[in-house]
Amino acid sequence: MVNWSRFTPTDFEYDFEHDELAAHHVTFEEAIECFFSDFEVRRNKSYSDRYQLIGSALSGRRLKIIFQLKSGTVVRIITGWDL
């Protein structure tokens, strides 16, 4: 089990050829910023290997980010949108 209050990602992955963030007008940078703010993480109900992160970009924009945790602290961002 991941201790999310002490979690610090070491790297981020994203499939830029299938840019799901852009469809919701969220940048990759904003999605990453959410991992370094106060955030809340929940398991994704639809996919057992994915999580939902609720956090804020540096601009203050509140976002929900869907991601997978790979290799311990590598994060693969799937998509995200405004709250």
PDB file of N, CA and C in Angstrom:
ATOM      1  N   MET A   1       0.843  -1.194   0.000  1.00  0.00           N
ATOM      2  CA  MET A   1       0.000   0.000   0.000  1.00  0.00           C
ATOM      3  C   MET A   1       0.886   1.255   0.000  1.00  0.00           C
ATOM      4  N   VAL A   2       0.550   2.185  -0.828  1.00  0.00           N
ATOM      5  CA  VAL A   2       1.322   3.419  -0.966  1.00  0.00           C
ATOM      6  C   VAL A   2       0.949   4.387   0.148  1.00  0.00           C
ATOM      7  N   ASN A   3       1.942   4.981   0.773  1.00  0.00           N
ATOM      8  CA  ASN A   3       1.706   6.031   1.753  1.00  0.00           C
ATOM      9  C   ASN A   3       1.650   7.356   0.982  1.00  0.00           C
ATOM     10  N   TRP A   4       0.467   7.754   0.592  1.00  0.00           N
ATOM     11  CA  TRP A   4       0.316   8.925  -0.286  1.00  0.00           C
ATOM     12  C   TRP A   4       0.781  10.217   0.367  1.00  0.00           C
ATOM     13  N   SER A   5       0.740  10.314   1.695  1.00  0.00           N
ATOM     14  CA  SER A   5       1.183  11.552   2.350  1.00  0.00           C
ATOM     15  C   SER A   5       2.703  11.738   2.236  1.00  0.00           C
ATOM     16  N   ARG A   6       3.440  10.655   1.935  1.00  0.00           N
ATOM     17  CA  ARG A   6       4.896  10.737   1.768  1.00  0.00           C
ATOM     18  C   ARG A   6       5.340  10.441   0.334  1.00  0.00           C
ATOM     19  N   PHE A   7       4.395  10.302  -0.570  1.00  0.00           N
ATOM     20  CA  PHE A   7       4.693   9.910  -1.950  1.00  0.00           C
ATOM     21  C   PHE A   7       5.320  11.059  -2.732  1.00  0.00           C
ATOM     22  N   THR A   8       6.458  10.785  -3.394  1.00  0.00           N
ATOM     23  CA  THR A   8       7.095  11.738  -4.295  1.00  0.00           C
ATOM     24  C   THR A   8       7.435  11.001  -5.587  1.00  0.00           C
ATOM     25  N   PRO A   9       6.791  11.380  -6.696  1.00  0.00           N
ATOM     26  CA  PRO A   9       7.082  10.712  -7.978  1.00  0.00           C
ATOM     27  C   PRO A   9       8.525  10.964  -8.414  1.00  0.00           C
ATOM     28  N   THR A  10       9.114   9.969  -9.073  1.00  0.00           N
ATOM     29  CA  THR A  10      10.472  10.135  -9.598  1.00  0.00           C
ATOM     30  C   THR A  10      10.472  10.429 -11.092  1.00  0.00           C
ATOM     31  N   ASP A  11       9.384  10.072 -11.772  1.00  0.00           N
ATOM     32  CA  ASP A  11       9.299  10.309 -13.217  1.00  0.00           C
ATOM     33  C   ASP A  11       7.836  10.223 -13.642  1.00  0.00           C
ATOM     34  N   PHE A  12       7.551  10.805 -14.816  1.00  0.00           N
ATOM     35  CA  PHE A  12       6.199  10.789 -15.363  1.00  0.00           C
ATOM     36  C   PHE A  12       6.228  10.278 -16.797  1.00  0.00           C
ATOM     37  N   GLU A  13       5.218   9.492 -17.155  1.00  0.00           N
ATOM     38  CA  GLU A  13       5.041   9.010 -18.520  1.00  0.00           C
ATOM     39  C   GLU A  13       3.703   9.517 -19.035  1.00  0.00           C
ATOM     40  N   TYR A  14       3.639   9.706 -20.357  1.00  0.00           N
ATOM     41  CA  TYR A  14       2.389  10.139 -20.973  1.00  0.00           C
ATOM     42  C   TYR A  14       2.421   9.796 -22.454  1.00  0.00           C
ATOM     43  N   ASP A  15       1.306   9.358 -23.002  1.00  0.00           N
ATOM     44  CA  ASP A  15       1.206   9.019 -24.424  1.00  0.00           C
ATOM     45  C   ASP A  15       0.770  10.273 -25.189  1.00  0.00           C
ATOM     46  N   PHE A  16       1.753  11.034 -25.680  1.00  0.00           N
ATOM     47  CA  PHE A  16       1.447  12.288 -26.365  1.00  0.00           C
ATOM     48  C   PHE A  16       0.773  12.068 -27.721  1.00  0.00           C
ATOM     49  N   GLU A  17       0.891  10.873 -28.285  1.00  0.00           N
ATOM     50  CA  GLU A  17       0.214  10.585 -29.551  1.00  0.00           C
ATOM     51  C   GLU A  17      -1.293  10.436 -29.375  1.00  0.00           C
ATOM     52  N   HIS A  18      -1.719  10.056 -28.185  1.00  0.00           N
ATOM     53  CA  HIS A  18      -3.148   9.929 -27.850  1.00  0.00           C
ATOM     54  C   HIS A  18      -3.424  10.853 -26.674  1.00  0.00           C
ATOM     55  N   ASP A  19      -3.350  12.149 -26.919  1.00  0.00           N
ATOM     56  CA  ASP A  19      -3.390  13.175 -25.875  1.00  0.00           C
ATOM     57  C   ASP A  19      -4.791  13.357 -25.303  1.00  0.00           C
ATOM     58  N   GLU A  20      -5.088  12.623 -24.235  1.00  0.00           N
ATOM     59  CA  GLU A  20      -6.386  12.722 -23.579  1.00  0.00           C
ATOM     60  C   GLU A  20      -6.508  13.992 -22.733  1.00  0.00           C
ATOM     61  N   LEU A  21      -5.399  14.522 -22.237  1.00  0.00           N
ATOM     62  CA  LEU A  21      -5.443  15.756 -21.455  1.00  0.00           C
ATOM     63  C   LEU A  21      -5.920  16.929 -22.308  1.00  0.00           C
ATOM     64  N   ALA A  22      -5.414  17.029 -23.526  1.00  0.00           N
ATOM     65  CA  ALA A  22      -5.776  18.147 -24.409  1.00  0.00           C
ATOM     66  C   ALA A  22      -7.268  18.173 -24.694  1.00  0.00           C
ATOM     67  N   ALA A  23      -7.886  17.003 -24.756  1.00  0.00           N
ATOM     68  CA  ALA A  23      -9.331  16.948 -24.992  1.00  0.00           C
ATOM     69  C   ALA A  23     -10.103  17.643 -23.877  1.00  0.00           C
ATOM     70  N   HIS A  24      -9.484  17.752 -22.696  1.00  0.00           N
ATOM     71  CA  HIS A  24     -10.125  18.403 -21.549  1.00  0.00           C
ATOM     72  C   HIS A  24      -9.459  19.741 -21.211  1.00  0.00           C
ATOM     73  N   HIS A  25      -8.621  20.235 -22.128  1.00  0.00           N
ATOM     74  CA  HIS A  25      -7.938  21.525 -21.980  1.00  0.00           C
ATOM     75  C   HIS A  25      -7.046  21.573 -20.741  1.00  0.00           C
ATOM     76  N   VAL A  26      -6.366  20.451 -20.459  1.00  0.00           N
ATOM     77  CA  VAL A  26      -5.412  20.352 -19.357  1.00  0.00           C
ATOM     78  C   VAL A  26      -4.046  20.090 -19.972  1.00  0.00           C
ATOM     79  N   THR A  27      -3.015  20.790 -19.499  1.00  0.00           N
ATOM     80  CA  THR A  27      -1.671  20.544 -20.006  1.00  0.00           C
ATOM     81  C   THR A  27      -0.986  19.451 -19.181  1.00  0.00           C
ATOM     82  N   PHE A  28       0.011  18.827 -19.777  1.00  0.00           N
ATOM     83  CA  PHE A  28       0.809  17.822 -19.086  1.00  0.00           C
ATOM     84  C   PHE A  28       1.465  18.439 -17.852  1.00  0.00           C
ATOM     85  N   GLU A  29       1.950  19.670 -17.976  1.00  0.00           N
ATOM     86  CA  GLU A  29       2.599  20.362 -16.864  1.00  0.00           C
ATOM     87  C   GLU A  29       1.621  20.571 -15.707  1.00  0.00           C
ATOM     88  N   GLU A  30       0.379  20.966 -16.009  1.00  0.00           N
ATOM     89  CA  GLU A  30      -0.625  21.143 -14.952  1.00  0.00           C
ATOM     90  C   GLU A  30      -0.898  19.820 -14.229  1.00  0.00           C
ATOM     91  N   ALA A  31      -0.965  18.742 -14.993  1.00  0.00           N
ATOM     92  CA  ALA A  31      -1.207  17.426 -14.393  1.00  0.00           C
ATOM     93  C   ALA A  31      -0.073  17.069 -13.436  1.00  0.00           C
ATOM     94  N   ILE A  32       1.163  17.309 -13.830  1.00  0.00           N
ATOM     95  CA  ILE A  32       2.317  17.023 -12.967  1.00  0.00           C
ATOM     96  C   ILE A  32       2.281  17.888 -11.710  1.00  0.00           C
ATOM     97  N   GLU A  33       1.942  19.158 -11.857  1.00  0.00           N
ATOM     98  CA  GLU A  33       1.901  20.072 -10.718  1.00  0.00           C
ATOM     99  C   GLU A  33       0.966  19.566  -9.618  1.00  0.00           C
ATOM    100  N   CYS A  34      -0.089  18.873  -9.985  1.00  0.00           N
ATOM    101  CA  CYS A  34      -1.052  18.361  -9.009  1.00  0.00           C
ATOM    102  C   CYS A  34      -0.406  17.362  -8.053  1.00  0.00           C
ATOM    103  N   PHE A  35       0.645  16.667  -8.488  1.00  0.00           N
ATOM    104  CA  PHE A  35       1.330  15.688  -7.637  1.00  0.00           C
ATOM    105  C   PHE A  35       2.223  16.354  -6.595  1.00  0.00           C
ATOM    106  N   PHE A  36       2.437  17.660  -6.726  1.00  0.00           N
ATOM    107  CA  PHE A  36       3.291  18.385  -5.790  1.00  0.00           C
ATOM    108  C   PHE A  36       2.508  19.419  -5.000  1.00  0.00           C
ATOM    109  N   SER A  37       1.185  19.286  -4.992  1.00  0.00           N
ATOM    110  CA  SER A  37       0.312  20.140  -4.191  1.00  0.00           C
ATOM    111  C   SER A  37      -0.297  19.268  -3.098  1.00  0.00           C
ATOM    112  N   ASP A  38      -1.164  19.846  -2.297  1.00  0.00           N
ATOM    113  CA  ASP A  38      -1.956  19.019  -1.390  1.00  0.00           C
ATOM    114  C   ASP A  38      -2.909  18.239  -2.270  1.00  0.00           C
ATOM    115  N   PHE A  39      -2.916  16.940  -2.132  1.00  0.00           N
ATOM    116  CA  PHE A  39      -3.766  16.139  -3.009  1.00  0.00           C
ATOM    117  C   PHE A  39      -4.403  15.004  -2.231  1.00  0.00           C
ATOM    118  N   GLU A  40      -5.416  14.428  -2.843  1.00  0.00           N
ATOM    119  CA  GLU A  40      -6.132  13.276  -2.308  1.00  0.00           C
ATOM    120  C   GLU A  40      -6.137  12.207  -3.395  1.00  0.00           C
ATOM    121  N   VAL A  41      -5.910  10.962  -3.026  1.00  0.00           N
ATOM    122  CA  VAL A  41      -5.881   9.866  -3.991  1.00  0.00           C
ATOM    123  C   VAL A  41      -6.924   8.829  -3.612  1.00  0.00           C
ATOM    124  N   ARG A  42      -7.633   8.341  -4.622  1.00  0.00           N
ATOM    125  CA  ARG A  42      -8.599   7.249  -4.457  1.00  0.00           C
ATOM    126  C   ARG A  42      -8.341   6.209  -5.531  1.00  0.00           C
ATOM    127  N   ARG A  43      -8.724   4.985  -5.239  1.00  0.00           N
ATOM    128  CA  ARG A  43      -8.689   3.930  -6.259  1.00  0.00           C
ATOM    129  C   ARG A  43      -9.728   4.263  -7.318  1.00  0.00           C
ATOM    130  N   ASN A  44      -9.432   3.925  -8.551  1.00  0.00           N
ATOM    131  CA  ASN A  44     -10.384   4.111  -9.641  1.00  0.00           C
ATOM    132  C   ASN A  44     -11.354   2.928  -9.629  1.00  0.00           C
ATOM    133  N   LYS A  45     -12.638   3.199  -9.639  1.00  0.00           N
ATOM    134  CA  LYS A  45     -13.648   2.143  -9.576  1.00  0.00           C
ATOM    135  C   LYS A  45     -13.692   1.284 -10.840  1.00  0.00           C
ATOM    136  N   SER A  46     -13.404   1.864 -11.980  1.00  0.00           N
ATOM    137  CA  SER A  46     -13.515   1.149 -13.259  1.00  0.00           C
ATOM    138  C   SER A  46     -12.303   0.284 -13.584  1.00  0.00           C
ATOM    139  N   TYR A  47     -11.116   0.700 -13.131  1.00  0.00           N
ATOM    140  CA  TYR A  47      -9.875  -0.015 -13.453  1.00  0.00           C
ATOM    141  C   TYR A  47      -9.077  -0.224 -12.170  1.00  0.00           C
ATOM    142  N   SER A  48      -8.810  -1.466 -11.831  1.00  0.00           N
ATOM    143  CA  SER A  48      -8.138  -1.768 -10.560  1.00  0.00           C
ATOM    144  C   SER A  48      -6.689  -1.298 -10.519  1.00  0.00           C
ATOM    145  N   ASP A  49      -6.071  -1.052 -11.680  1.00  0.00           N
ATOM    146  CA  ASP A  49      -4.670  -0.616 -11.699  1.00  0.00           C
ATOM    147  C   ASP A  49      -4.517   0.895 -11.841  1.00  0.00           C
ATOM    148  N   ARG A  50      -5.618   1.633 -11.689  1.00  0.00           N
ATOM    149  CA  ARG A  50      -5.568   3.095 -11.845  1.00  0.00           C
ATOM    150  C   ARG A  50      -6.057   3.794 -10.589  1.00  0.00           C
ATOM    151  N   TYR A  51      -5.629   5.055 -10.466  1.00  0.00           N
ATOM    152  CA  TYR A  51      -6.000   5.885  -9.328  1.00  0.00           C
ATOM    153  C   TYR A  51      -6.565   7.212  -9.818  1.00  0.00           C
ATOM    154  N   GLN A  52      -7.306   7.874  -8.932  1.00  0.00           N
ATOM    155  CA  GLN A  52      -7.800   9.228  -9.168  1.00  0.00           C
ATOM    156  C   GLN A  52      -7.097  10.150  -8.180  1.00  0.00           C
ATOM    157  N   LEU A  53      -6.484  11.197  -8.686  1.00  0.00           N
ATOM    158  CA  LEU A  53      -5.852  12.197  -7.839  1.00  0.00           C
ATOM    159  C   LEU A  53      -6.629  13.493  -7.967  1.00  0.00           C
ATOM    160  N   ILE A  54      -6.993  14.080  -6.842  1.00  0.00           N
ATOM    161  CA  ILE A  54      -7.627  15.403  -6.818  1.00  0.00           C
ATOM    162  C   ILE A  54      -6.573  16.355  -6.275  1.00  0.00           C
ATOM    163  N   GLY A  55      -6.191  17.344  -7.076  1.00  0.00           N
ATOM    164  CA  GLY A  55      -5.150  18.273  -6.658  1.00  0.00           C
ATOM    165  C   GLY A  55      -5.283  19.598  -7.375  1.00  0.00           C
ATOM    166  N   SER A  56      -4.279  20.450  -7.196  1.00  0.00           N
ATOM    167  CA  SER A  56      -4.298  21.781  -7.798  1.00  0.00           C
ATOM    168  C   SER A  56      -3.015  22.046  -8.563  1.00  0.00           C
ATOM    169  N   ALA A  57      -3.168  22.678  -9.717  1.00  0.00           N
ATOM    170  CA  ALA A  57      -2.016  23.167 -10.472  1.00  0.00           C
ATOM    171  C   ALA A  57      -1.511  24.433  -9.783  1.00  0.00           C
ATOM    172  N   LEU A  58      -0.342  24.912 -10.159  1.00  0.00           N
ATOM    173  CA  LEU A  58       0.212  26.124  -9.540  1.00  0.00           C
ATOM    174  C   LEU A  58      -0.702  27.330  -9.716  1.00  0.00           C
ATOM    175  N   SER A  59      -1.475  27.342 -10.781  1.00  0.00           N
ATOM    176  CA  SER A  59      -2.402  28.440 -11.047  1.00  0.00           C
ATOM    177  C   SER A  59      -3.593  28.431 -10.089  1.00  0.00           C
ATOM    178  N   GLY A  60      -3.757  27.335  -9.329  1.00  0.00           N
ATOM    179  CA  GLY A  60      -4.898  27.197  -8.433  1.00  0.00           C
ATOM    180  C   GLY A  60      -6.027  26.382  -9.044  1.00  0.00           C
ATOM    181  N   ARG A  61      -5.875  26.019 -10.287  1.00  0.00           N
ATOM    182  CA  ARG A  61      -6.890  25.225 -10.993  1.00  0.00           C
ATOM    183  C   ARG A  61      -7.011  23.843 -10.358  1.00  0.00           C
ATOM    184  N   ARG A  62      -8.223  23.468  -9.922  1.00  0.00           N
ATOM    185  CA  ARG A  62      -8.475  22.162  -9.304  1.00  0.00           C
ATOM    186  C   ARG A  62      -8.728  21.134 -10.394  1.00  0.00           C
ATOM    187  N   LEU A  63      -7.996  20.017 -10.326  1.00  0.00           N
ATOM    188  CA  LEU A  63      -8.077  19.004 -11.369  1.00  0.00           C
ATOM    189  C   LEU A  63      -8.231  17.611 -10.778  1.00  0.00           C
ATOM    190  N   LYS A  64      -8.874  16.740 -11.538  1.00  0.00           N
ATOM    191  CA  LYS A  64      -8.883  15.314 -11.256  1.00  0.00           C
ATOM    192  C   LYS A  64      -7.990  14.674 -12.306  1.00  0.00           C
ATOM    193  N   ILE A  65      -6.981  13.931 -11.861  1.00  0.00           N
ATOM    194  CA  ILE A  65      -6.025  13.271 -12.743  1.00  0.00           C
ATOM    195  C   ILE A  65      -6.179  11.758 -12.574  1.00  0.00           C
ATOM    196  N   ILE A  66      -6.310  11.053 -13.677  1.00  0.00           N
ATOM    197  CA  ILE A  66      -6.358   9.592 -13.662  1.00  0.00           C
ATOM    198  C   ILE A  66      -4.962   9.109 -14.036  1.00  0.00           C
ATOM    199  N   PHE A  67      -4.402   8.190 -13.218  1.00  0.00           N
ATOM    200  CA  PHE A  67      -3.037   7.741 -13.464  1.00  0.00           C
ATOM    201  C   PHE A  67      -2.839   6.292 -13.028  1.00  0.00           C
ATOM    202  N   GLN A  68      -1.740   5.717 -13.507  1.00  0.00           N
ATOM    203  CA  GLN A  68      -1.264   4.407 -13.079  1.00  0.00           C
ATOM    204  C   GLN A  68       0.058   4.612 -12.352  1.00  0.00           C
ATOM    205  N   LEU A  69       0.303   3.791 -11.357  1.00  0.00           N
ATOM    206  CA  LEU A  69       1.578   3.815 -10.659  1.00  0.00           C
ATOM    207  C   LEU A  69       2.415   2.662 -11.190  1.00  0.00           C
ATOM    208  N   LYS A  70       3.580   2.992 -11.730  1.00  0.00           N
ATOM    209  CA  LYS A  70       4.450   1.981 -12.340  1.00  0.00           C
ATOM    210  C   LYS A  70       5.804   2.002 -11.635  1.00  0.00           C
ATOM    211  N   SER A  71       6.410   0.867 -11.510  1.00  0.00           N
ATOM    212  CA  SER A  71       7.776   0.760 -10.960  1.00  0.00           C
ATOM    213  C   SER A  71       7.966   1.561  -9.681  1.00  0.00           C
ATOM    214  N   GLY A  72       7.028   1.472  -8.769  1.00  0.00           N
ATOM    215  CA  GLY A  72       7.166   2.125  -7.468  1.00  0.00           C
ATOM    216  C   GLY A  72       6.792   3.587  -7.447  1.00  0.00           C
ATOM    217  N   THR A  73       7.586   4.445  -8.098  1.00  0.00           N
ATOM    218  CA  THR A  73       7.309   5.884  -8.046  1.00  0.00           C
ATOM    219  C   THR A  73       7.236   6.538  -9.419  1.00  0.00           C
ATOM    220  N   VAL A  74       7.109   5.739 -10.478  1.00  0.00           N
ATOM    221  CA  VAL A  74       6.905   6.273 -11.825  1.00  0.00           C
ATOM    222  C   VAL A  74       5.407   6.362 -12.071  1.00  0.00           C
ATOM    223  N   VAL A  75       4.958   7.537 -12.493  1.00  0.00           N
ATOM    224  CA  VAL A  75       3.534   7.803 -12.702  1.00  0.00           C
ATOM    225  C   VAL A  75       3.246   7.887 -14.193  1.00  0.00           C
ATOM    226  N   ARG A  76       2.266   7.116 -14.653  1.00  0.00           N
ATOM    227  CA  ARG A  76       1.791   7.214 -16.034  1.00  0.00           C
ATOM    228  C   ARG A  76       0.458   7.940 -16.004  1.00  0.00           C
ATOM    229  N   ILE A  77       0.427   9.157 -16.513  1.00  0.00           N
ATOM    230  CA  ILE A  77      -0.796   9.956 -16.531  1.00  0.00           C
ATOM    231  C   ILE A  77      -1.654   9.504 -17.692  1.00  0.00           C
ATOM    232  N   ILE A  78      -2.926   9.243 -17.407  1.00  0.00           N
ATOM    233  CA  ILE A  78      -3.882   8.766 -18.422  1.00  0.00           C
ATOM    234  C   ILE A  78      -4.688   9.940 -18.964  1.00  0.00           C
ATOM    235  N   THR A  79      -5.344  10.694 -18.083  1.00  0.00           N
ATOM    236  CA  THR A  79      -6.166  11.827 -18.482  1.00  0.00           C
ATOM    237  C   THR A  79      -6.434  12.703 -17.274  1.00  0.00           C
ATOM    238  N   GLY A  80      -7.132  13.795 -17.463  1.00  0.00           N
ATOM    239  CA  GLY A  80      -7.482  14.691 -16.371  1.00  0.00           C
ATOM    240  C   GLY A  80      -8.483  15.736 -16.844  1.00  0.00           C
ATOM    241  N   TRP A  81      -9.177  16.336 -15.867  1.00  0.00           N
ATOM    242  CA  TRP A  81     -10.156  17.367 -16.200  1.00  0.00           C
ATOM    243  C   TRP A  81     -10.410  18.270 -15.003  1.00  0.00           C
ATOM    244  N   ASP A  82     -11.083  19.399 -15.261  1.00  0.00           N
ATOM    245  CA  ASP A  82     -11.431  20.372 -14.221  1.00  0.00           C
ATOM    246  C   ASP A  82     -12.449  19.816 -13.254  1.00  0.00           C
ATOM    247  N   LEU A  83     -12.373  20.293 -12.044  1.00  0.00           N
ATOM    248  CA  LEU A  83     -13.413  19.995 -11.058  1.00  0.00           C
ATOM    249  C   LEU A  83     -14.245  21.234 -10.804  1.00  0.00           C
TER     250      LEU A  83
END
